[in-house]
Amino acid sequence: VAVPPERAPGEIRWTPPRRAPDPRKEFVTTREIAYPSDTAFRQDLAAELARRPSGEREAVVFVHGFNTSFAEGAYRLAQLGHDLDLGGALVHYSWPSRAHALAYVYDRDSATFARDGLEALLHQVDRAGAQKVVIVAHSMGSALAMETLRQIAIRGDQRLLSRIVAVVLISPDIDLDVFRAQAKTVGPLMNPIIIFTSRRDRALALSARIT
């Protein structure tokens, strides 16, 4: 994904329909690779991690939120990686959102369904050689991330939990009591969970009205 130079930090511009993209102002997908197997994915990720010094082989796993398509999630991760200079290998976990503002219940069920997939991806990242894993989750993806961490803790997989050095939740769409129960089951992580929120978050406001 090519990040355009002419934009404000945090901004993502889309190409309007039936017009060629302007790479100076709009995000552009420059290349796509379809991995035929888990092994091929791990090998590519391992090569990306190996470009970093030993001890600094970090992967940033992004879990998108409600009403988000695959492309929107990928572009958001590219924007975060670029604007925040994350440095680690960027990995996008795209769960099957319907990408529609009126499909909240569908998305909530899809996020619940996607727990095993996120756990499997974290295992793949670990096996690829990531020494540190940062999980960044937005909106409904935060509930998915916390449920997955809870699931890993219940399995007693301390090796995988020890790889997770940071969990960042952006406008998490989680009931407070549910979050407390999840955090209690997960137990202490290497660093405290970081939460960012905004009163202007429209997705979270919609969730609050629905629930």
N, C-alpha and C. Protein backbone atom coordinates (compact mmCIF):
# COMPACT_ATOMS: atom_id res chain seq x y z
N VAL A 1 0.85 -1.18 0.00
CA VAL A 1 0.00 0.00 0.00
C VAL A 1 0.89 1.23 0.00
N ALA A 2 0.68 2.12 -0.97
CA ALA A 2 1.44 3.36 -1.05
C ALA A 2 0.69 4.47 -0.31
N VAL A 3 1.39 5.11 0.63
CA VAL A 3 0.80 6.20 1.41
C VAL A 3 1.12 7.52 0.71
N PRO A 4 0.12 8.32 0.37
CA PRO A 4 0.36 9.56 -0.38
C PRO A 4 1.05 10.62 0.48
N PRO A 5 1.91 11.43 -0.11
CA PRO A 5 2.62 12.46 0.66
C PRO A 5 1.77 13.69 0.97
N GLU A 6 0.76 13.97 0.15
CA GLU A 6 -0.02 15.20 0.32
C GLU A 6 -1.32 14.91 1.10
N ARG A 7 -1.22 14.88 2.41
CA ARG A 7 -2.38 14.64 3.27
C ARG A 7 -2.00 14.98 4.70
N ALA A 8 -3.01 15.15 5.53
CA ALA A 8 -2.78 15.41 6.95
C ALA A 8 -2.59 14.08 7.69
N PRO A 9 -1.81 14.05 8.77
CA PRO A 9 -1.66 12.82 9.54
C PRO A 9 -3.01 12.28 10.00
N GLY A 10 -3.20 10.98 9.86
CA GLY A 10 -4.46 10.35 10.24
C GLY A 10 -5.49 10.31 9.13
N GLU A 11 -5.27 11.04 8.06
CA GLU A 11 -6.26 11.13 6.98
C GLU A 11 -6.06 10.01 5.95
N ILE A 12 -7.16 9.45 5.49
CA ILE A 12 -7.14 8.46 4.41
C ILE A 12 -8.08 8.96 3.31
N ARG A 13 -7.55 9.15 2.13
CA ARG A 13 -8.36 9.58 0.99
C ARG A 13 -8.55 8.42 0.04
N TRP A 14 -9.80 8.24 -0.40
CA TRP A 14 -10.16 7.18 -1.34
C TRP A 14 -10.30 7.73 -2.74
N THR A 15 -10.02 6.90 -3.72
CA THR A 15 -10.22 7.29 -5.11
C THR A 15 -11.71 7.22 -5.45
N PRO A 16 -12.32 8.29 -5.93
CA PRO A 16 -13.73 8.23 -6.33
C PRO A 16 -13.95 7.20 -7.44
N PRO A 17 -15.16 6.65 -7.55
CA PRO A 17 -15.45 5.69 -8.61
C PRO A 17 -15.19 6.25 -10.01
N ARG A 18 -14.76 5.37 -10.89
CA ARG A 18 -14.57 5.69 -12.32
C ARG A 18 -13.55 6.81 -12.53
N ARG A 19 -12.54 6.84 -11.69
CA ARG A 19 -11.45 7.79 -11.89
C ARG A 19 -10.13 7.14 -11.51
N ALA A 20 -9.10 7.41 -12.26
CA ALA A 20 -7.78 6.88 -11.94
C ALA A 20 -7.28 7.49 -10.64
N PRO A 21 -6.61 6.70 -9.78
CA PRO A 21 -6.15 7.24 -8.50
C PRO A 21 -5.02 8.26 -8.68
N ASP A 22 -4.96 9.19 -7.75
CA ASP A 22 -3.88 10.16 -7.71
C ASP A 22 -2.97 9.77 -6.55
N PRO A 23 -1.82 9.12 -6.81
CA PRO A 23 -0.97 8.62 -5.73
C PRO A 23 -0.36 9.72 -4.88
N ARG A 24 -0.46 10.97 -5.31
CA ARG A 24 0.05 12.07 -4.48
C ARG A 24 -0.89 12.37 -3.32
N LYS A 25 -2.21 12.06 -3.51
CA LYS A 25 -3.20 12.45 -2.51
C LYS A 25 -4.03 11.28 -2.00
N GLU A 26 -4.00 10.14 -2.70
CA GLU A 26 -4.88 9.02 -2.36
C GLU A 26 -4.08 7.74 -2.14
N PHE A 27 -4.55 6.92 -1.20
CA PHE A 27 -3.93 5.63 -0.94
C PHE A 27 -4.12 4.73 -2.16
N VAL A 28 -3.07 3.96 -2.46
CA VAL A 28 -3.11 3.09 -3.64
C VAL A 28 -2.53 1.72 -3.27
N THR A 29 -3.21 0.67 -3.69
CA THR A 29 -2.67 -0.67 -3.56
C THR A 29 -1.75 -0.93 -4.75
N THR A 30 -0.47 -1.14 -4.46
CA THR A 30 0.52 -1.28 -5.53
C THR A 30 0.84 -2.73 -5.86
N ARG A 31 0.56 -3.65 -4.93
CA ARG A 31 0.92 -5.05 -5.17
C ARG A 31 0.09 -5.95 -4.29
N GLU A 32 -0.23 -7.12 -4.81
CA GLU A 32 -0.99 -8.11 -4.04
C GLU A 32 -0.30 -9.46 -4.18
N ILE A 33 -0.17 -10.17 -3.05
CA ILE A 33 0.40 -11.52 -3.05
C ILE A 33 -0.61 -12.44 -2.36
N ALA A 34 -1.02 -13.49 -3.04
CA ALA A 34 -1.92 -14.48 -2.44
C ALA A 34 -1.07 -15.67 -1.99
N TYR A 35 -1.06 -15.95 -0.71
CA TYR A 35 -0.25 -17.05 -0.18
C TYR A 35 -1.01 -18.37 -0.33
N PRO A 36 -0.39 -19.37 -0.96
CA PRO A 36 -1.09 -20.64 -1.17
C PRO A 36 -1.18 -21.50 0.09
N SER A 37 -0.41 -21.15 1.14
CA SER A 37 -0.40 -21.97 2.34
C SER A 37 0.06 -21.15 3.53
N ASP A 38 -0.17 -21.70 4.74
CA ASP A 38 0.34 -21.07 5.95
C ASP A 38 1.86 -20.95 5.91
N THR A 39 2.50 -21.98 5.36
CA THR A 39 3.97 -21.99 5.30
C THR A 39 4.49 -20.82 4.48
N ALA A 40 3.86 -20.56 3.34
CA ALA A 40 4.30 -19.45 2.48
C ALA A 40 4.13 -18.11 3.19
N PHE A 41 3.04 -17.96 3.91
CA PHE A 41 2.82 -16.73 4.68
C PHE A 41 3.90 -16.56 5.74
N ARG A 42 4.18 -17.64 6.49
CA ARG A 42 5.18 -17.57 7.55
C ARG A 42 6.56 -17.24 6.99
N GLN A 43 6.90 -17.83 5.85
CA GLN A 43 8.22 -17.58 5.25
C GLN A 43 8.38 -16.11 4.87
N ASP A 44 7.32 -15.53 4.30
CA ASP A 44 7.38 -14.12 3.90
C ASP A 44 7.48 -13.22 5.14
N LEU A 45 6.68 -13.53 6.15
CA LEU A 45 6.72 -12.75 7.38
C LEU A 45 8.06 -12.92 8.08
N ALA A 46 8.60 -14.13 8.08
CA ALA A 46 9.92 -14.37 8.69
C ALA A 46 11.00 -13.55 8.01
N ALA A 47 10.93 -13.45 6.68
CA ALA A 47 11.91 -12.65 5.94
C ALA A 47 11.78 -11.18 6.30
N GLU A 48 10.53 -10.71 6.48
CA GLU A 48 10.30 -9.31 6.87
C GLU A 48 10.87 -9.05 8.27
N LEU A 49 10.63 -9.97 9.19
CA LEU A 49 11.13 -9.82 10.55
C LEU A 49 12.65 -9.89 10.60
N ALA A 50 13.25 -10.73 9.75
CA ALA A 50 14.70 -10.93 9.76
C ALA A 50 15.45 -9.66 9.32
N ARG A 51 14.76 -8.74 8.67
CA ARG A 51 15.41 -7.49 8.26
C ARG A 51 15.70 -6.58 9.46
N ARG A 52 15.12 -6.91 10.61
CA ARG A 52 15.32 -6.11 11.80
C ARG A 52 16.39 -6.74 12.70
N PRO A 53 17.06 -5.92 13.52
CA PRO A 53 18.09 -6.47 14.41
C PRO A 53 17.51 -7.49 15.38
N SER A 54 18.32 -8.45 15.79
CA SER A 54 17.89 -9.44 16.76
C SER A 54 17.47 -8.74 18.05
N GLY A 55 16.35 -9.17 18.61
CA GLY A 55 15.81 -8.53 19.80
C GLY A 55 14.79 -7.45 19.49
N GLU A 56 14.72 -7.05 18.21
CA GLU A 56 13.77 -6.01 17.81
C GLU A 56 12.80 -6.53 16.75
N ARG A 57 12.64 -7.83 16.67
CA ARG A 57 11.76 -8.42 15.67
C ARG A 57 10.33 -8.41 16.18
N GLU A 58 9.68 -7.30 15.88
CA GLU A 58 8.35 -7.02 16.41
C GLU A 58 7.31 -7.04 15.29
N ALA A 59 6.15 -7.61 15.60
CA ALA A 59 5.02 -7.59 14.66
C ALA A 59 3.88 -6.80 15.28
N VAL A 60 3.25 -5.97 14.47
CA VAL A 60 2.07 -5.21 14.91
C VAL A 60 0.86 -5.83 14.23
N VAL A 61 -0.02 -6.41 15.01
CA VAL A 61 -1.23 -7.07 14.48
C VAL A 61 -2.40 -6.12 14.69
N PHE A 62 -3.01 -5.69 13.59
CA PHE A 62 -4.14 -4.75 13.63
C PHE A 62 -5.44 -5.50 13.43
N VAL A 63 -6.41 -5.25 14.32
CA VAL A 63 -7.74 -5.86 14.23
C VAL A 63 -8.74 -4.72 14.02
N HIS A 64 -9.33 -4.66 12.83
CA HIS A 64 -10.23 -3.55 12.50
C HIS A 64 -11.54 -3.64 13.27
N GLY A 65 -12.35 -2.61 13.14
CA GLY A 65 -13.59 -2.53 13.90
C GLY A 65 -14.84 -2.73 13.07
N PHE A 66 -15.94 -2.30 13.64
CA PHE A 66 -17.27 -2.40 13.03
C PHE A 66 -17.33 -1.63 11.70
N ASN A 67 -18.12 -2.17 10.78
CA ASN A 67 -18.41 -1.48 9.51
C ASN A 67 -17.12 -1.15 8.74
N THR A 68 -16.27 -2.16 8.59
CA THR A 68 -14.98 -1.95 7.94
C THR A 68 -14.72 -3.05 6.92
N SER A 69 -14.46 -2.66 5.68
CA SER A 69 -14.14 -3.64 4.64
C SER A 69 -12.67 -4.05 4.75
N PHE A 70 -12.30 -5.07 3.99
CA PHE A 70 -10.90 -5.52 3.97
C PHE A 70 -9.98 -4.38 3.56
N ALA A 71 -10.34 -3.68 2.49
CA ALA A 71 -9.49 -2.59 1.98
C ALA A 71 -9.37 -1.47 3.00
N GLU A 72 -10.48 -1.10 3.64
CA GLU A 72 -10.44 -0.03 4.63
C GLU A 72 -9.52 -0.40 5.79
N GLY A 73 -9.58 -1.64 6.23
CA GLY A 73 -8.71 -2.08 7.32
C GLY A 73 -7.25 -2.06 6.92
N ALA A 74 -6.96 -2.52 5.71
CA ALA A 74 -5.57 -2.55 5.23
C ALA A 74 -5.01 -1.14 5.09
N TYR A 75 -5.81 -0.22 4.56
CA TYR A 75 -5.36 1.16 4.41
C TYR A 75 -5.17 1.83 5.77
N ARG A 76 -6.06 1.52 6.72
CA ARG A 76 -5.91 2.11 8.05
C ARG A 76 -4.62 1.63 8.71
N LEU A 77 -4.30 0.35 8.55
CA LEU A 77 -3.05 -0.15 9.12
C LEU A 77 -1.85 0.52 8.46
N ALA A 78 -1.89 0.68 7.14
CA ALA A 78 -0.80 1.37 6.44
C ALA A 78 -0.65 2.79 6.96
N GLN A 79 -1.78 3.47 7.19
CA GLN A 79 -1.75 4.85 7.70
C GLN A 79 -1.17 4.89 9.10
N LEU A 80 -1.59 3.98 9.98
CA LEU A 80 -1.06 3.96 11.35
C LEU A 80 0.43 3.66 11.34
N GLY A 81 0.84 2.67 10.54
CA GLY A 81 2.25 2.32 10.48
C GLY A 81 3.11 3.47 10.01
N HIS A 82 2.60 4.22 9.03
CA HIS A 82 3.35 5.35 8.47
C HIS A 82 3.36 6.54 9.42
N ASP A 83 2.19 6.94 9.90
CA ASP A 83 2.09 8.17 10.69
C ASP A 83 2.71 8.02 12.07
N LEU A 84 2.64 6.83 12.65
CA LEU A 84 3.19 6.60 13.99
C LEU A 84 4.58 5.98 13.95
N ASP A 85 5.07 5.70 12.73
CA ASP A 85 6.41 5.11 12.55
C ASP A 85 6.56 3.88 13.45
N LEU A 86 5.63 2.93 13.28
CA LEU A 86 5.58 1.78 14.18
C LEU A 86 6.82 0.89 14.11
N GLY A 87 7.40 0.76 12.93
CA GLY A 87 8.67 0.06 12.84
C GLY A 87 8.55 -1.45 12.70
N GLY A 88 7.57 -2.07 13.34
CA GLY A 88 7.44 -3.52 13.27
C GLY A 88 6.84 -3.97 11.96
N ALA A 89 6.83 -5.29 11.75
CA ALA A 89 6.16 -5.87 10.59
C ALA A 89 4.66 -5.73 10.78
N LEU A 90 3.96 -5.16 9.80
CA LEU A 90 2.54 -4.87 9.94
C LEU A 90 1.70 -6.04 9.42
N VAL A 91 0.79 -6.53 10.27
CA VAL A 91 -0.05 -7.68 9.93
C VAL A 91 -1.51 -7.29 10.16
N HIS A 92 -2.33 -7.47 9.16
CA HIS A 92 -3.75 -7.08 9.22
C HIS A 92 -4.61 -8.32 9.40
N TYR A 93 -5.36 -8.40 10.51
CA TYR A 93 -6.32 -9.47 10.67
C TYR A 93 -7.69 -8.94 10.28
N SER A 94 -8.21 -9.41 9.17
CA SER A 94 -9.49 -8.94 8.65
C SER A 94 -10.57 -9.97 8.93
N TRP A 95 -11.42 -9.67 9.91
CA TRP A 95 -12.55 -10.56 10.18
C TRP A 95 -13.72 -10.13 9.30
N PRO A 96 -14.72 -11.01 9.09
CA PRO A 96 -15.74 -10.76 8.05
C PRO A 96 -16.83 -9.78 8.46
N SER A 97 -16.47 -8.50 8.51
CA SER A 97 -17.48 -7.45 8.69
C SER A 97 -18.31 -7.32 7.42
N ARG A 98 -19.57 -6.99 7.57
CA ARG A 98 -20.40 -6.74 6.38
C ARG A 98 -20.12 -5.37 5.80
N ALA A 99 -19.40 -4.52 6.54
CA ALA A 99 -19.03 -3.18 6.08
C ALA A 99 -20.26 -2.35 5.74
N HIS A 100 -21.23 -2.39 6.65
CA HIS A 100 -22.46 -1.62 6.46
C HIS A 100 -22.89 -1.07 7.83
N ALA A 101 -23.26 0.20 7.86
CA ALA A 101 -23.59 0.86 9.12
C ALA A 101 -24.80 0.24 9.83
N LEU A 102 -25.69 -0.45 9.10
CA LEU A 102 -26.88 -1.03 9.70
C LEU A 102 -26.71 -2.52 10.01
N ALA A 103 -25.49 -3.03 9.92
CA ALA A 103 -25.26 -4.46 10.12
C ALA A 103 -24.53 -4.72 11.44
N TYR A 104 -24.92 -4.02 12.49
CA TYR A 104 -24.21 -4.12 13.76
C TYR A 104 -24.29 -5.54 14.34
N VAL A 105 -25.47 -6.12 14.38
CA VAL A 105 -25.63 -7.45 14.96
C VAL A 105 -24.86 -8.48 14.13
N TYR A 106 -24.90 -8.35 12.80
CA TYR A 106 -24.14 -9.25 11.94
C TYR A 106 -22.65 -9.15 12.27
N ASP A 107 -22.15 -7.94 12.40
CA ASP A 107 -20.73 -7.76 12.69
C ASP A 107 -20.36 -8.30 14.07
N ARG A 108 -21.23 -8.09 15.03
CA ARG A 108 -20.95 -8.60 16.38
C ARG A 108 -20.83 -10.12 16.38
N ASP A 109 -21.73 -10.80 15.66
CA ASP A 109 -21.64 -12.25 15.56
C ASP A 109 -20.40 -12.68 14.79
N SER A 110 -20.06 -11.94 13.75
CA SER A 110 -18.87 -12.26 12.96
C SER A 110 -17.60 -12.12 13.79
N ALA A 111 -17.55 -11.09 14.62
CA ALA A 111 -16.38 -10.88 15.47
C ALA A 111 -16.24 -12.03 16.47
N THR A 112 -17.37 -12.49 17.01
CA THR A 112 -17.33 -13.64 17.92
C THR A 112 -16.83 -14.89 17.20
N PHE A 113 -17.31 -15.08 15.98
CA PHE A 113 -16.89 -16.22 15.16
C PHE A 113 -15.39 -16.19 14.88
N ALA A 114 -14.81 -15.00 14.81
CA ALA A 114 -13.43 -14.84 14.33
C ALA A 114 -12.37 -15.06 15.40
N ARG A 115 -12.75 -15.43 16.63
CA ARG A 115 -11.77 -15.58 17.70
C ARG A 115 -10.72 -16.64 17.38
N ASP A 116 -11.15 -17.79 16.90
CA ASP A 116 -10.19 -18.86 16.60
C ASP A 116 -9.23 -18.45 15.50
N GLY A 117 -9.73 -17.69 14.53
CA GLY A 117 -8.87 -17.23 13.44
C GLY A 117 -7.79 -16.29 13.92
N LEU A 118 -8.14 -15.36 14.84
CA LEU A 118 -7.13 -14.45 15.37
C LEU A 118 -6.11 -15.20 16.21
N GLU A 119 -6.57 -16.16 16.99
CA GLU A 119 -5.63 -16.96 17.78
C GLU A 119 -4.67 -17.72 16.85
N ALA A 120 -5.21 -18.29 15.78
CA ALA A 120 -4.36 -19.02 14.83
C ALA A 120 -3.35 -18.09 14.18
N LEU A 121 -3.77 -16.85 13.85
CA LEU A 121 -2.85 -15.90 13.24
C LEU A 121 -1.73 -15.54 14.21
N LEU A 122 -2.06 -15.32 15.48
CA LEU A 122 -1.02 -15.01 16.46
C LEU A 122 -0.01 -16.14 16.59
N HIS A 123 -0.47 -17.38 16.48
CA HIS A 123 0.45 -18.52 16.48
C HIS A 123 1.36 -18.48 15.24
N GLN A 124 0.79 -18.12 14.10
CA GLN A 124 1.60 -18.03 12.88
C GLN A 124 2.66 -16.94 13.01
N VAL A 125 2.28 -15.82 13.60
CA VAL A 125 3.23 -14.73 13.80
C VAL A 125 4.36 -15.16 14.74
N ASP A 126 4.00 -15.88 15.79
CA ASP A 126 5.00 -16.40 16.72
C ASP A 126 5.95 -17.37 16.01
N ARG A 127 5.38 -18.29 15.24
CA ARG A 127 6.20 -19.29 14.54
C ARG A 127 7.08 -18.67 13.46
N ALA A 128 6.69 -17.49 12.97
CA ALA A 128 7.50 -16.81 11.96
C ALA A 128 8.73 -16.14 12.57
N GLY A 129 8.78 -16.08 13.90
CA GLY A 129 9.97 -15.53 14.54
C GLY A 129 9.78 -14.19 15.22
N ALA A 130 8.53 -13.73 15.38
CA ALA A 130 8.31 -12.47 16.07
C ALA A 130 8.66 -12.63 17.54
N GLN A 131 9.57 -11.83 18.02
CA GLN A 131 9.93 -11.87 19.44
C GLN A 131 8.98 -11.03 20.28
N LYS A 132 8.35 -10.05 19.67
CA LYS A 132 7.40 -9.18 20.35
C LYS A 132 6.18 -9.01 19.45
N VAL A 133 5.00 -9.00 20.04
CA VAL A 133 3.77 -8.79 19.29
C VAL A 133 2.99 -7.65 19.95
N VAL A 134 2.62 -6.66 19.16
CA VAL A 134 1.76 -5.56 19.61
C VAL A 134 0.41 -5.75 18.94
N ILE A 135 -0.65 -5.81 19.72
CA ILE A 135 -2.00 -5.90 19.18
C ILE A 135 -2.65 -4.53 19.24
N VAL A 136 -3.10 -4.03 18.10
CA VAL A 136 -3.82 -2.76 18.01
C VAL A 136 -5.21 -3.08 17.48
N ALA A 137 -6.24 -2.78 18.26
CA ALA A 137 -7.61 -3.14 17.86
C ALA A 137 -8.52 -1.93 17.99
N HIS A 138 -9.45 -1.82 17.04
CA HIS A 138 -10.37 -0.67 17.02
C HIS A 138 -11.80 -1.13 17.16
N SER A 139 -12.57 -0.38 17.96
CA SER A 139 -14.01 -0.55 18.01
C SER A 139 -14.38 -1.99 18.36
N MET A 140 -15.21 -2.63 17.55
CA MET A 140 -15.63 -4.00 17.80
C MET A 140 -14.46 -4.98 17.73
N GLY A 141 -13.42 -4.62 17.01
CA GLY A 141 -12.23 -5.46 16.97
C GLY A 141 -11.57 -5.57 18.33
N SER A 142 -11.79 -4.58 19.21
CA SER A 142 -11.24 -4.64 20.56
C SER A 142 -11.89 -5.77 21.36
N ALA A 143 -13.20 -5.93 21.19
CA ALA A 143 -13.90 -7.04 21.86
C ALA A 143 -13.36 -8.37 21.35
N LEU A 144 -13.14 -8.46 20.05
CA LEU A 144 -12.56 -9.67 19.46
C LEU A 144 -11.18 -9.93 20.02
N ALA A 145 -10.35 -8.91 20.11
CA ALA A 145 -8.99 -9.08 20.62
C ALA A 145 -9.00 -9.55 22.08
N MET A 146 -9.84 -8.93 22.90
CA MET A 146 -9.89 -9.30 24.31
C MET A 146 -10.44 -10.72 24.49
N GLU A 147 -11.46 -11.08 23.72
CA GLU A 147 -11.99 -12.44 23.81
C GLU A 147 -10.94 -13.47 23.39
N THR A 148 -10.13 -13.11 22.39
CA THR A 148 -9.08 -14.03 21.94
C THR A 148 -8.00 -14.18 23.00
N LEU A 149 -7.61 -13.07 23.62
CA LEU A 149 -6.63 -13.15 24.71
C LEU A 149 -7.18 -13.99 25.86
N ARG A 150 -8.45 -13.80 26.16
CA ARG A 150 -9.08 -14.60 27.22
C ARG A 150 -9.04 -16.08 26.86
N GLN A 151 -9.32 -16.39 25.61
CA GLN A 151 -9.31 -17.78 25.14
C GLN A 151 -7.91 -18.38 25.26
N ILE A 152 -6.89 -17.60 24.89
CA ILE A 152 -5.50 -18.08 24.98
C ILE A 152 -5.13 -18.34 26.44
N ALA A 153 -5.57 -17.44 27.34
CA ALA A 153 -5.27 -17.61 28.76
C ALA A 153 -5.95 -18.86 29.33
N ILE A 154 -7.20 -19.10 28.93
CA ILE A 154 -7.92 -20.29 29.40
C ILE A 154 -7.22 -21.56 28.93
N ARG A 155 -6.65 -21.53 27.74
CA ARG A 155 -5.90 -22.69 27.24
C ARG A 155 -4.58 -22.88 27.99
N GLY A 156 -4.17 -21.86 28.73
CA GLY A 156 -2.90 -21.95 29.45
C GLY A 156 -1.69 -21.77 28.56
N ASP A 157 -1.86 -21.06 27.44
CA ASP A 157 -0.76 -20.88 26.48
C ASP A 157 0.09 -19.66 26.90
N GLN A 158 0.91 -19.86 27.92
CA GLN A 158 1.72 -18.77 28.44
C GLN A 158 2.81 -18.34 27.46
N ARG A 159 3.27 -19.25 26.61
CA ARG A 159 4.29 -18.87 25.63
C ARG A 159 3.75 -17.78 24.71
N LEU A 160 2.53 -17.97 24.19
CA LEU A 160 1.96 -16.99 23.27
C LEU A 160 1.66 -15.68 24.01
N LEU A 161 1.12 -15.77 25.22
CA LEU A 161 0.84 -14.55 25.98
C LEU A 161 2.12 -13.78 26.28
N SER A 162 3.22 -14.49 26.50
CA SER A 162 4.48 -13.82 26.81
C SER A 162 5.03 -13.05 25.62
N ARG A 163 4.62 -13.40 24.41
CA ARG A 163 5.07 -12.70 23.21
C ARG A 163 4.37 -11.34 23.07
N ILE A 164 3.21 -11.19 23.70
CA ILE A 164 2.40 -9.97 23.52
C ILE A 164 2.90 -8.91 24.49
N VAL A 165 3.60 -7.93 23.94
CA VAL A 165 4.22 -6.90 24.77
C VAL A 165 3.32 -5.68 24.96
N ALA A 166 2.31 -5.52 24.13
CA ALA A 166 1.41 -4.38 24.27
C ALA A 166 0.07 -4.69 23.62
N VAL A 167 -0.99 -4.18 24.24
CA VAL A 167 -2.35 -4.26 23.69
C VAL A 167 -2.92 -2.83 23.71
N VAL A 168 -3.26 -2.33 22.52
CA VAL A 168 -3.79 -0.98 22.39
C VAL A 168 -5.22 -1.08 21.86
N LEU A 169 -6.18 -0.57 22.62
CA LEU A 169 -7.58 -0.60 22.23
C LEU A 169 -8.02 0.82 21.90
N ILE A 170 -8.49 1.02 20.67
CA ILE A 170 -8.90 2.34 20.21
C ILE A 170 -10.43 2.38 20.17
N SER A 171 -11.03 3.24 20.99
CA SER A 171 -12.49 3.32 21.12
C SER A 171 -13.11 1.93 21.24
N PRO A 172 -12.72 1.18 22.27
CA PRO A 172 -13.18 -0.22 22.36
C PRO A 172 -14.69 -0.32 22.57
N ASP A 173 -15.32 -1.15 21.79
CA ASP A 173 -16.76 -1.40 21.87
C ASP A 173 -16.97 -2.63 22.76
N ILE A 174 -16.79 -2.42 24.08
CA ILE A 174 -16.89 -3.51 25.05
C ILE A 174 -17.65 -3.00 26.27
N ASP A 175 -18.60 -3.77 26.75
CA ASP A 175 -19.25 -3.45 28.01
C ASP A 175 -18.20 -3.45 29.12
N LEU A 176 -18.28 -2.48 30.02
CA LEU A 176 -17.24 -2.32 31.04
C LEU A 176 -17.11 -3.55 31.94
N ASP A 177 -18.23 -4.13 32.36
CA ASP A 177 -18.16 -5.32 33.21
C ASP A 177 -17.57 -6.51 32.46
N VAL A 178 -17.91 -6.62 31.18
CA VAL A 178 -17.34 -7.69 30.36
C VAL A 178 -15.83 -7.50 30.25
N PHE A 179 -15.39 -6.26 30.02
CA PHE A 179 -13.96 -5.99 29.91
C PHE A 179 -13.23 -6.37 31.20
N ARG A 180 -13.79 -6.00 32.35
CA ARG A 180 -13.16 -6.34 33.62
C ARG A 180 -13.02 -7.85 33.78
N ALA A 181 -14.06 -8.59 33.39
CA ALA A 181 -14.01 -10.05 33.49
C ALA A 181 -12.96 -10.62 32.55
N GLN A 182 -12.89 -10.08 31.33
CA GLN A 182 -11.89 -10.55 30.37
C GLN A 182 -10.48 -10.29 30.89
N ALA A 183 -10.24 -9.06 31.38
CA ALA A 183 -8.91 -8.69 31.86
C ALA A 183 -8.50 -9.54 33.06
N LYS A 184 -9.46 -9.86 33.93
CA LYS A 184 -9.15 -10.70 35.09
C LYS A 184 -8.71 -12.09 34.65
N THR A 185 -9.38 -12.64 33.63
CA THR A 185 -9.01 -13.98 33.15
C THR A 185 -7.66 -13.96 32.45
N VAL A 186 -7.42 -12.93 31.64
CA VAL A 186 -6.15 -12.82 30.92
C VAL A 186 -4.99 -12.69 31.91
N GLY A 187 -5.20 -11.92 32.97
CA GLY A 187 -4.15 -11.73 33.96
C GLY A 187 -3.15 -10.69 33.53
N PRO A 188 -2.09 -10.49 34.32
CA PRO A 188 -1.10 -9.46 34.01
C PRO A 188 -0.37 -9.74 32.69
N LEU A 189 -0.27 -8.72 31.86
CA LEU A 189 0.53 -8.79 30.64
C LEU A 189 1.84 -8.06 30.88
N MET A 190 2.74 -8.07 29.89
CA MET A 190 4.02 -7.41 30.06
C MET A 190 3.85 -5.92 30.34
N ASN A 191 2.86 -5.29 29.70
CA ASN A 191 2.55 -3.88 29.93
C ASN A 191 1.05 -3.73 30.10
N PRO A 192 0.61 -2.69 30.80
CA PRO A 192 -0.84 -2.47 30.95
C PRO A 192 -1.52 -2.27 29.60
N ILE A 193 -2.79 -2.64 29.52
CA ILE A 193 -3.57 -2.39 28.31
C ILE A 193 -3.78 -0.88 28.16
N ILE A 194 -3.54 -0.37 26.96
CA ILE A 194 -3.68 1.06 26.68
C ILE A 194 -5.00 1.28 25.96
N ILE A 195 -5.78 2.27 26.42
CA ILE A 195 -7.08 2.56 25.81
C ILE A 195 -7.12 4.00 25.34
N PHE A 196 -7.47 4.19 24.07
CA PHE A 196 -7.72 5.52 23.50
C PHE A 196 -9.20 5.61 23.16
N THR A 197 -9.80 6.75 23.45
CA THR A 197 -11.19 6.93 23.07
C THR A 197 -11.45 8.39 22.73
N SER A 198 -12.57 8.64 22.07
CA SER A 198 -12.93 9.99 21.64
C SER A 198 -14.44 10.14 21.70
N ARG A 199 -14.89 11.28 22.18
CA ARG A 199 -16.33 11.54 22.19
C ARG A 199 -16.89 11.72 20.78
N ARG A 200 -16.02 11.89 19.81
CA ARG A 200 -16.46 12.12 18.43
C ARG A 200 -16.48 10.84 17.60
N ASP A 201 -16.23 9.69 18.24
CA ASP A 201 -16.20 8.42 17.50
C ASP A 201 -17.62 8.02 17.13
N ARG A 202 -17.95 8.11 15.85
CA ARG A 202 -19.32 7.86 15.40
C ARG A 202 -19.72 6.39 15.52
N ALA A 203 -18.77 5.49 15.25
CA ALA A 203 -19.09 4.06 15.35
C ALA A 203 -19.43 3.69 16.78
N LEU A 204 -18.67 4.22 17.74
CA LEU A 204 -18.93 3.91 19.14
C LEU A 204 -20.25 4.53 19.60
N ALA A 205 -20.57 5.73 19.09
CA ALA A 205 -21.84 6.36 19.44
C ALA A 205 -23.02 5.53 18.93
N LEU A 206 -22.88 4.99 17.71
CA LEU A 206 -23.94 4.13 17.16
C LEU A 206 -24.09 2.88 18.01
N SER A 207 -22.97 2.29 18.41
CA SER A 207 -23.02 1.10 19.26
C SER A 207 -23.74 1.39 20.57
N ALA A 208 -23.44 2.55 21.16
CA ALA A 208 -24.07 2.91 22.43
C ALA A 208 -25.59 3.03 22.28
N ARG A 209 -26.05 3.58 21.16
CA ARG A 209 -27.50 3.72 20.93
C ARG A 209 -28.15 2.35 20.75
N ILE A 210 -27.45 1.45 20.07
CA ILE A 210 -28.02 0.13 19.79
C ILE A 210 -28.09 -0.72 21.05
N THR A 211 -27.02 -0.65 21.87
CA THR A 211 -26.92 -1.55 23.02
C THR A 211 -27.36 -0.91 24.32
